[in-house]
Amino acid sequence: MTPIGTEEQISRLVAEYSPMLLRLACTRLRDAADAEDAVQEVFLRLLTLRPVFRDAEHEKAWLIRTTLHRAADLQKAAAKRNVPLEEAAQAAVPEPESALLDAVRSLPEKYSAVIHLHYYEGYSIREIAKLLGVPAPTVGTRLARGRERLRQLLKEDFS
């Protein structure tokens, strides 16, 4: 395939993948604006690096991995920031969100990513393995361990 760069190619990628990438970023980041920033930065990186993809599968895998990495970077940066007391008090007010989504967000990234891709995006274990570049048995193990952690977290919440 040719390198990414034409306006038509970029428009197609943004239209095709933005909703999925935004949902994926939202599972890692609590703030929708941060998730939108992460996705925008992924597309900016795409324009800057202009990678050459073998096929559509490679293209999708690159976008998903880059989104997960960018969301993790933003999460780490947010943890290191000093927040004024007033902002911290406002952030402590719980938002009406699903207990399940909160539980998925609280999992380590390796578990939340496979759970999101499997249950929210509908990918098979094999497809997730290709997208993330890990063996299929690893994806299966992460799904099983992630589900077990979710059970424990939800059991604690409702006990």
N, C-alpha and C. Protein backbone atom coordinates (compact mmCIF):
# COMPACT_ATOMS: atom_id res chain seq x y z
N MET A 1 0.84 -1.19 0.00
CA MET A 1 0.00 0.00 0.00
C MET A 1 0.88 1.25 0.00
N THR A 2 0.29 2.36 -0.35
CA THR A 2 1.02 3.62 -0.37
C THR A 2 0.97 4.27 1.01
N PRO A 3 1.93 5.16 1.28
CA PRO A 3 1.90 5.85 2.57
C PRO A 3 0.64 6.71 2.71
N ILE A 4 0.22 6.86 3.96
CA ILE A 4 -0.94 7.70 4.26
C ILE A 4 -0.56 9.15 4.01
N GLY A 5 -1.50 9.94 3.53
CA GLY A 5 -1.16 11.33 3.35
C GLY A 5 -2.16 12.15 2.57
N THR A 6 -2.87 11.52 1.65
CA THR A 6 -3.82 12.31 0.90
C THR A 6 -5.01 12.66 1.78
N GLU A 7 -5.61 13.76 1.47
CA GLU A 7 -6.76 14.22 2.25
C GLU A 7 -7.88 13.19 2.22
N GLU A 8 -8.05 12.53 1.09
CA GLU A 8 -9.08 11.51 0.95
C GLU A 8 -8.81 10.31 1.86
N GLN A 9 -7.55 9.88 1.93
CA GLN A 9 -7.19 8.75 2.80
C GLN A 9 -7.43 9.09 4.26
N ILE A 10 -6.99 10.26 4.67
CA ILE A 10 -7.14 10.68 6.06
C ILE A 10 -8.62 10.81 6.41
N SER A 11 -9.40 11.40 5.54
CA SER A 11 -10.85 11.55 5.78
C SER A 11 -11.51 10.19 5.94
N ARG A 12 -11.11 9.23 5.13
CA ARG A 12 -11.68 7.89 5.23
C ARG A 12 -11.33 7.25 6.57
N LEU A 13 -10.07 7.37 6.98
CA LEU A 13 -9.64 6.78 8.26
C LEU A 13 -10.35 7.42 9.44
N VAL A 14 -10.47 8.73 9.41
CA VAL A 14 -11.15 9.44 10.51
C VAL A 14 -12.61 9.01 10.58
N ALA A 15 -13.28 8.98 9.44
CA ALA A 15 -14.70 8.60 9.43
C ALA A 15 -14.89 7.15 9.86
N GLU A 16 -14.01 6.28 9.41
CA GLU A 16 -14.16 4.85 9.68
C GLU A 16 -13.80 4.46 11.11
N TYR A 17 -12.75 5.05 11.65
CA TYR A 17 -12.21 4.56 12.92
C TYR A 17 -12.44 5.47 14.12
N SER A 18 -12.77 6.71 13.93
CA SER A 18 -12.92 7.63 15.07
C SER A 18 -13.87 7.13 16.15
N PRO A 19 -15.08 6.68 15.80
CA PRO A 19 -15.99 6.24 16.87
C PRO A 19 -15.42 5.09 17.71
N MET A 20 -14.82 4.10 17.05
CA MET A 20 -14.25 2.97 17.77
C MET A 20 -13.07 3.41 18.65
N LEU A 21 -12.19 4.23 18.09
CA LEU A 21 -11.02 4.68 18.85
C LEU A 21 -11.43 5.54 20.04
N LEU A 22 -12.48 6.34 19.86
CA LEU A 22 -12.97 7.17 20.95
C LEU A 22 -13.53 6.31 22.08
N ARG A 23 -14.31 5.28 21.72
CA ARG A 23 -14.83 4.36 22.75
C ARG A 23 -13.68 3.67 23.48
N LEU A 24 -12.68 3.27 22.73
CA LEU A 24 -11.52 2.60 23.31
C LEU A 24 -10.78 3.53 24.27
N ALA A 25 -10.56 4.76 23.86
CA ALA A 25 -9.87 5.74 24.73
C ALA A 25 -10.71 6.05 25.96
N CYS A 26 -12.03 6.08 25.81
CA CYS A 26 -12.91 6.36 26.95
C CYS A 26 -12.85 5.27 28.01
N THR A 27 -12.53 4.04 27.61
CA THR A 27 -12.42 2.98 28.62
C THR A 27 -11.19 3.18 29.49
N ARG A 28 -10.20 3.89 29.00
CA ARG A 28 -8.98 4.12 29.77
C ARG A 28 -8.98 5.47 30.49
N LEU A 29 -9.64 6.45 29.90
CA LEU A 29 -9.60 7.81 30.44
C LEU A 29 -10.98 8.19 30.95
N ARG A 30 -11.06 8.79 32.10
CA ARG A 30 -12.35 9.15 32.69
C ARG A 30 -12.99 10.35 32.00
N ASP A 31 -12.18 11.22 31.47
CA ASP A 31 -12.68 12.46 30.89
C ASP A 31 -12.86 12.31 29.38
N ALA A 32 -14.04 12.60 28.89
CA ALA A 32 -14.32 12.48 27.45
C ALA A 32 -13.42 13.41 26.64
N ALA A 33 -13.13 14.58 27.18
CA ALA A 33 -12.25 15.52 26.46
C ALA A 33 -10.84 14.95 26.31
N ASP A 34 -10.35 14.26 27.35
CA ASP A 34 -9.04 13.62 27.25
C ASP A 34 -9.05 12.51 26.21
N ALA A 35 -10.14 11.76 26.16
CA ALA A 35 -10.27 10.69 25.17
C ALA A 35 -10.27 11.27 23.75
N GLU A 36 -10.99 12.38 23.57
CA GLU A 36 -11.00 13.03 22.26
C GLU A 36 -9.61 13.53 21.89
N ASP A 37 -8.91 14.10 22.87
CA ASP A 37 -7.54 14.57 22.63
C ASP A 37 -6.64 13.41 22.21
N ALA A 38 -6.78 12.28 22.89
CA ALA A 38 -5.96 11.11 22.58
C ALA A 38 -6.18 10.67 21.13
N VAL A 39 -7.44 10.60 20.72
CA VAL A 39 -7.75 10.17 19.36
C VAL A 39 -7.24 11.18 18.34
N GLN A 40 -7.40 12.46 18.64
CA GLN A 40 -6.88 13.49 17.72
C GLN A 40 -5.36 13.38 17.60
N GLU A 41 -4.69 13.10 18.70
CA GLU A 41 -3.24 12.97 18.66
C GLU A 41 -2.82 11.73 17.87
N VAL A 42 -3.63 10.68 17.91
CA VAL A 42 -3.34 9.49 17.11
C VAL A 42 -3.40 9.84 15.63
N PHE A 43 -4.42 10.58 15.23
CA PHE A 43 -4.52 10.96 13.82
C PHE A 43 -3.43 11.96 13.43
N LEU A 44 -3.04 12.81 14.34
CA LEU A 44 -1.92 13.71 14.08
C LEU A 44 -0.63 12.93 13.88
N ARG A 45 -0.43 11.93 14.72
CA ARG A 45 0.75 11.07 14.59
C ARG A 45 0.71 10.34 13.24
N LEU A 46 -0.46 9.93 12.83
CA LEU A 46 -0.63 9.27 11.54
C LEU A 46 -0.19 10.21 10.40
N LEU A 47 -0.61 11.47 10.49
CA LEU A 47 -0.21 12.45 9.47
C LEU A 47 1.29 12.73 9.51
N THR A 48 1.84 12.78 10.71
CA THR A 48 3.26 13.11 10.87
C THR A 48 4.17 11.97 10.42
N LEU A 49 3.86 10.76 10.85
CA LEU A 49 4.71 9.61 10.55
C LEU A 49 4.49 9.04 9.15
N ARG A 50 3.25 9.17 8.67
CA ARG A 50 2.87 8.64 7.36
C ARG A 50 3.33 7.19 7.18
N PRO A 51 2.86 6.30 8.05
CA PRO A 51 3.29 4.91 7.94
C PRO A 51 2.74 4.22 6.69
N VAL A 52 3.41 3.18 6.29
CA VAL A 52 2.96 2.37 5.15
C VAL A 52 2.34 1.11 5.74
N PHE A 53 1.08 0.86 5.44
CA PHE A 53 0.37 -0.30 5.96
C PHE A 53 0.30 -1.39 4.90
N ARG A 54 0.44 -2.63 5.33
CA ARG A 54 0.35 -3.77 4.41
C ARG A 54 -1.07 -3.95 3.88
N ASP A 55 -2.04 -3.76 4.79
CA ASP A 55 -3.43 -3.96 4.42
C ASP A 55 -4.32 -3.25 5.44
N ALA A 56 -5.63 -3.40 5.29
CA ALA A 56 -6.57 -2.72 6.19
C ALA A 56 -6.44 -3.23 7.62
N GLU A 57 -6.13 -4.51 7.77
CA GLU A 57 -5.96 -5.10 9.10
C GLU A 57 -4.77 -4.45 9.83
N HIS A 58 -3.68 -4.26 9.12
CA HIS A 58 -2.49 -3.62 9.69
C HIS A 58 -2.79 -2.17 10.07
N GLU A 59 -3.54 -1.50 9.23
CA GLU A 59 -3.96 -0.11 9.47
C GLU A 59 -4.76 -0.01 10.77
N LYS A 60 -5.76 -0.89 10.92
CA LYS A 60 -6.60 -0.89 12.11
C LYS A 60 -5.79 -1.23 13.36
N ALA A 61 -4.92 -2.21 13.26
CA ALA A 61 -4.09 -2.61 14.41
C ALA A 61 -3.20 -1.46 14.86
N TRP A 62 -2.62 -0.74 13.91
CA TRP A 62 -1.76 0.39 14.25
C TRP A 62 -2.56 1.47 14.98
N LEU A 63 -3.73 1.77 14.48
CA LEU A 63 -4.57 2.80 15.11
C LEU A 63 -4.99 2.39 16.52
N ILE A 64 -5.36 1.14 16.71
CA ILE A 64 -5.78 0.67 18.04
C ILE A 64 -4.60 0.70 19.02
N ARG A 65 -3.47 0.15 18.60
CA ARG A 65 -2.30 0.15 19.49
C ARG A 65 -1.86 1.56 19.84
N THR A 66 -1.84 2.44 18.85
CA THR A 66 -1.41 3.82 19.09
C THR A 66 -2.39 4.53 20.03
N THR A 67 -3.68 4.26 19.89
CA THR A 67 -4.68 4.85 20.79
C THR A 67 -4.49 4.36 22.22
N LEU A 68 -4.27 3.07 22.39
CA LEU A 68 -4.04 2.51 23.73
C LEU A 68 -2.79 3.11 24.37
N HIS A 69 -1.72 3.24 23.58
CA HIS A 69 -0.48 3.83 24.11
C HIS A 69 -0.68 5.29 24.50
N ARG A 70 -1.37 6.04 23.65
CA ARG A 70 -1.58 7.47 23.93
C ARG A 70 -2.46 7.65 25.15
N ALA A 71 -3.50 6.83 25.28
CA ALA A 71 -4.37 6.91 26.46
C ALA A 71 -3.58 6.58 27.73
N ALA A 72 -2.71 5.58 27.65
CA ALA A 72 -1.88 5.23 28.81
C ALA A 72 -0.94 6.38 29.17
N ASP A 73 -0.37 7.02 28.15
CA ASP A 73 0.51 8.17 28.41
C ASP A 73 -0.25 9.30 29.10
N LEU A 74 -1.45 9.58 28.62
CA LEU A 74 -2.26 10.64 29.24
C LEU A 74 -2.65 10.29 30.67
N GLN A 75 -2.92 9.01 30.89
CA GLN A 75 -3.28 8.55 32.23
C GLN A 75 -2.10 8.74 33.20
N LYS A 76 -0.90 8.39 32.74
CA LYS A 76 0.29 8.56 33.57
C LYS A 76 0.56 10.03 33.85
N ALA A 77 0.40 10.85 32.83
CA ALA A 77 0.64 12.29 33.00
C ALA A 77 -0.35 12.89 33.99
N ALA A 78 -1.60 12.46 33.92
CA ALA A 78 -2.63 12.98 34.84
C ALA A 78 -2.33 12.57 36.26
N ALA A 79 -1.78 11.40 36.46
CA ALA A 79 -1.46 10.93 37.81
C ALA A 79 -0.32 11.74 38.42
N LYS A 80 0.56 12.28 37.59
CA LYS A 80 1.70 13.04 38.09
C LYS A 80 1.39 14.52 38.33
N ARG A 81 0.29 14.99 37.74
CA ARG A 81 -0.06 16.41 37.85
C ARG A 81 -0.46 16.78 39.25
N ASN A 82 -0.08 17.96 39.64
CA ASN A 82 -0.58 18.53 40.90
C ASN A 82 -1.88 19.24 40.58
N VAL A 83 -2.92 18.90 41.32
CA VAL A 83 -4.24 19.48 41.07
C VAL A 83 -4.59 20.40 42.23
N PRO A 84 -5.03 21.64 41.94
CA PRO A 84 -5.47 22.52 43.02
C PRO A 84 -6.61 21.89 43.82
N LEU A 85 -6.70 22.23 45.08
CA LEU A 85 -7.68 21.64 45.99
C LEU A 85 -9.11 21.79 45.47
N GLU A 86 -9.43 22.96 44.90
CA GLU A 86 -10.79 23.19 44.40
C GLU A 86 -11.13 22.21 43.28
N GLU A 87 -10.17 21.98 42.35
CA GLU A 87 -10.41 21.05 41.26
C GLU A 87 -10.53 19.63 41.76
N ALA A 88 -9.74 19.28 42.73
CA ALA A 88 -9.78 17.93 43.29
C ALA A 88 -11.13 17.67 43.93
N ALA A 89 -11.67 18.66 44.61
CA ALA A 89 -12.98 18.51 45.25
C ALA A 89 -14.07 18.32 44.20
N GLN A 90 -13.99 19.06 43.09
CA GLN A 90 -14.97 18.91 42.02
C GLN A 90 -14.84 17.55 41.34
N ALA A 91 -13.60 17.08 41.17
CA ALA A 91 -13.38 15.80 40.52
C ALA A 91 -13.85 14.64 41.38
N ALA A 92 -13.92 14.84 42.68
CA ALA A 92 -14.32 13.77 43.59
C ALA A 92 -15.82 13.49 43.54
N VAL A 93 -16.59 14.41 42.96
CA VAL A 93 -18.03 14.20 42.85
C VAL A 93 -18.27 13.11 41.82
N PRO A 94 -18.90 12.00 42.20
CA PRO A 94 -19.08 10.91 41.25
C PRO A 94 -20.05 11.26 40.13
N GLU A 95 -19.71 10.84 38.93
CA GLU A 95 -20.59 11.05 37.79
C GLU A 95 -21.48 9.83 37.66
N PRO A 96 -22.70 10.02 37.16
CA PRO A 96 -23.58 8.87 37.01
C PRO A 96 -23.12 7.97 35.86
N GLU A 97 -22.23 7.02 36.16
CA GLU A 97 -21.72 6.11 35.14
C GLU A 97 -22.02 4.69 35.54
N SER A 98 -21.95 3.84 34.61
CA SER A 98 -22.20 2.43 34.84
C SER A 98 -21.14 1.85 35.77
N ALA A 99 -21.57 1.03 36.71
CA ALA A 99 -20.64 0.36 37.62
C ALA A 99 -19.72 -0.56 36.84
N LEU A 100 -20.25 -1.18 35.80
CA LEU A 100 -19.43 -2.08 34.99
C LEU A 100 -18.35 -1.32 34.25
N LEU A 101 -18.70 -0.19 33.62
CA LEU A 101 -17.71 0.59 32.90
C LEU A 101 -16.65 1.13 33.85
N ASP A 102 -17.04 1.57 35.04
CA ASP A 102 -16.07 2.00 36.04
C ASP A 102 -15.13 0.87 36.41
N ALA A 103 -15.69 -0.33 36.55
CA ALA A 103 -14.86 -1.49 36.90
C ALA A 103 -13.89 -1.82 35.78
N VAL A 104 -14.36 -1.76 34.53
CA VAL A 104 -13.47 -2.02 33.39
C VAL A 104 -12.36 -0.99 33.35
N ARG A 105 -12.70 0.26 33.60
CA ARG A 105 -11.70 1.33 33.59
C ARG A 105 -10.65 1.15 34.68
N SER A 106 -11.04 0.55 35.79
CA SER A 106 -10.10 0.42 36.90
C SER A 106 -9.12 -0.74 36.72
N LEU A 107 -9.38 -1.59 35.73
CA LEU A 107 -8.48 -2.72 35.47
C LEU A 107 -7.17 -2.23 34.86
N PRO A 108 -6.11 -3.00 35.03
CA PRO A 108 -4.87 -2.68 34.31
C PRO A 108 -5.14 -2.69 32.80
N GLU A 109 -4.38 -1.91 32.06
CA GLU A 109 -4.63 -1.72 30.63
C GLU A 109 -4.65 -3.03 29.85
N LYS A 110 -3.78 -3.97 30.19
CA LYS A 110 -3.73 -5.20 29.41
C LYS A 110 -5.03 -5.99 29.51
N TYR A 111 -5.77 -5.83 30.62
CA TYR A 111 -7.05 -6.50 30.76
C TYR A 111 -8.19 -5.67 30.18
N SER A 112 -8.19 -4.38 30.46
CA SER A 112 -9.30 -3.55 29.98
C SER A 112 -9.31 -3.46 28.46
N ALA A 113 -8.14 -3.46 27.84
CA ALA A 113 -8.08 -3.37 26.38
C ALA A 113 -8.72 -4.59 25.73
N VAL A 114 -8.37 -5.79 26.20
CA VAL A 114 -8.94 -6.98 25.56
C VAL A 114 -10.43 -7.12 25.88
N ILE A 115 -10.83 -6.74 27.08
CA ILE A 115 -12.25 -6.80 27.43
C ILE A 115 -13.04 -5.83 26.56
N HIS A 116 -12.52 -4.62 26.39
CA HIS A 116 -13.21 -3.64 25.54
C HIS A 116 -13.31 -4.15 24.10
N LEU A 117 -12.19 -4.59 23.55
CA LEU A 117 -12.19 -5.03 22.16
C LEU A 117 -13.11 -6.24 21.95
N HIS A 118 -13.16 -7.13 22.94
CA HIS A 118 -13.98 -8.34 22.80
C HIS A 118 -15.46 -8.05 23.01
N TYR A 119 -15.80 -7.41 24.12
CA TYR A 119 -17.21 -7.24 24.48
C TYR A 119 -17.87 -5.99 23.90
N TYR A 120 -17.10 -4.90 23.78
CA TYR A 120 -17.70 -3.66 23.29
C TYR A 120 -17.57 -3.53 21.77
N GLU A 121 -16.47 -4.04 21.21
CA GLU A 121 -16.25 -3.90 19.77
C GLU A 121 -16.55 -5.19 19.00
N GLY A 122 -16.69 -6.31 19.71
CA GLY A 122 -17.09 -7.56 19.08
C GLY A 122 -15.99 -8.34 18.38
N TYR A 123 -14.74 -8.10 18.70
CA TYR A 123 -13.64 -8.82 18.07
C TYR A 123 -13.46 -10.19 18.72
N SER A 124 -13.03 -11.16 17.92
CA SER A 124 -12.73 -12.49 18.44
C SER A 124 -11.35 -12.46 19.09
N ILE A 125 -11.03 -13.51 19.82
CA ILE A 125 -9.72 -13.61 20.45
C ILE A 125 -8.62 -13.57 19.40
N ARG A 126 -8.84 -14.28 18.32
CA ARG A 126 -7.85 -14.30 17.24
C ARG A 126 -7.62 -12.90 16.64
N GLU A 127 -8.72 -12.19 16.42
CA GLU A 127 -8.61 -10.83 15.86
C GLU A 127 -7.90 -9.89 16.82
N ILE A 128 -8.21 -10.01 18.10
CA ILE A 128 -7.55 -9.16 19.11
C ILE A 128 -6.06 -9.46 19.13
N ALA A 129 -5.71 -10.72 19.04
CA ALA A 129 -4.29 -11.11 19.02
C ALA A 129 -3.56 -10.44 17.87
N LYS A 130 -4.19 -10.43 16.70
CA LYS A 130 -3.57 -9.77 15.54
C LYS A 130 -3.47 -8.26 15.76
N LEU A 131 -4.55 -7.67 16.29
CA LEU A 131 -4.58 -6.22 16.48
C LEU A 131 -3.51 -5.76 17.47
N LEU A 132 -3.34 -6.52 18.55
CA LEU A 132 -2.41 -6.11 19.60
C LEU A 132 -1.01 -6.70 19.42
N GLY A 133 -0.87 -7.63 18.50
CA GLY A 133 0.44 -8.22 18.26
C GLY A 133 0.90 -9.15 19.37
N VAL A 134 -0.05 -9.87 19.98
CA VAL A 134 0.29 -10.84 21.02
C VAL A 134 -0.33 -12.19 20.63
N PRO A 135 0.18 -13.29 21.19
CA PRO A 135 -0.40 -14.60 20.85
C PRO A 135 -1.85 -14.72 21.32
N ALA A 136 -2.64 -15.50 20.58
CA ALA A 136 -4.05 -15.70 20.93
C ALA A 136 -4.23 -16.29 22.33
N PRO A 137 -3.39 -17.25 22.76
CA PRO A 137 -3.55 -17.75 24.14
C PRO A 137 -3.35 -16.66 25.19
N THR A 138 -2.50 -15.71 24.91
CA THR A 138 -2.28 -14.59 25.83
C THR A 138 -3.56 -13.76 25.94
N VAL A 139 -4.20 -13.51 24.80
CA VAL A 139 -5.46 -12.76 24.81
C VAL A 139 -6.51 -13.51 25.62
N GLY A 140 -6.61 -14.83 25.41
CA GLY A 140 -7.56 -15.64 26.16
C GLY A 140 -7.31 -15.58 27.65
N THR A 141 -6.04 -15.65 28.03
CA THR A 141 -5.67 -15.56 29.45
C THR A 141 -6.03 -14.20 30.02
N ARG A 142 -5.73 -13.15 29.26
CA ARG A 142 -6.06 -11.80 29.74
C ARG A 142 -7.57 -11.60 29.87
N LEU A 143 -8.33 -12.16 28.95
CA LEU A 143 -9.79 -12.08 29.05
C LEU A 143 -10.28 -12.80 30.31
N ALA A 144 -9.77 -14.00 30.54
CA ALA A 144 -10.20 -14.77 31.70
C ALA A 144 -9.81 -14.05 33.00
N ARG A 145 -8.60 -13.57 33.08
CA ARG A 145 -8.15 -12.87 34.28
C ARG A 145 -8.88 -11.54 34.46
N GLY A 146 -9.13 -10.86 33.35
CA GLY A 146 -9.87 -9.59 33.43
C GLY A 146 -11.29 -9.81 33.90
N ARG A 147 -11.94 -10.85 33.39
CA ARG A 147 -13.30 -11.17 33.84
C ARG A 147 -13.33 -11.51 35.32
N GLU A 148 -12.32 -12.26 35.77
CA GLU A 148 -12.27 -12.63 37.19
C GLU A 148 -12.09 -11.39 38.06
N ARG A 149 -11.23 -10.49 37.63
CA ARG A 149 -11.04 -9.25 38.39
C ARG A 149 -12.31 -8.41 38.39
N LEU A 150 -13.01 -8.39 37.26
CA LEU A 150 -14.29 -7.67 37.20
C LEU A 150 -15.30 -8.26 38.17
N ARG A 151 -15.38 -9.59 38.20
CA ARG A 151 -16.29 -10.25 39.16
C ARG A 151 -15.98 -9.82 40.58
N GLN A 152 -14.69 -9.83 40.92
CA GLN A 152 -14.30 -9.45 42.28
C GLN A 152 -14.64 -7.99 42.57
N LEU A 153 -14.34 -7.12 41.61
CA LEU A 153 -14.62 -5.69 41.81
C LEU A 153 -16.11 -5.44 41.96
N LEU A 154 -16.91 -6.06 41.12
CA LEU A 154 -18.36 -5.85 41.17
C LEU A 154 -18.97 -6.49 42.42
N LYS A 155 -18.40 -7.60 42.83
CA LYS A 155 -18.88 -8.26 44.06
C LYS A 155 -18.63 -7.36 45.26
N GLU A 156 -17.44 -6.71 45.30
CA GLU A 156 -17.11 -5.77 46.39
C GLU A 156 -18.05 -4.57 46.37
N ASP A 157 -18.34 -4.06 45.17
CA ASP A 157 -19.20 -2.89 45.04
C ASP A 157 -20.62 -3.15 45.54
N PHE A 158 -21.10 -4.36 45.32
CA PHE A 158 -22.48 -4.67 45.67
C PHE A 158 -22.62 -5.43 46.99
N SER A 159 -21.51 -5.59 47.70
CA SER A 159 -21.58 -6.28 49.00
C SER A 159 -21.88 -5.32 50.12
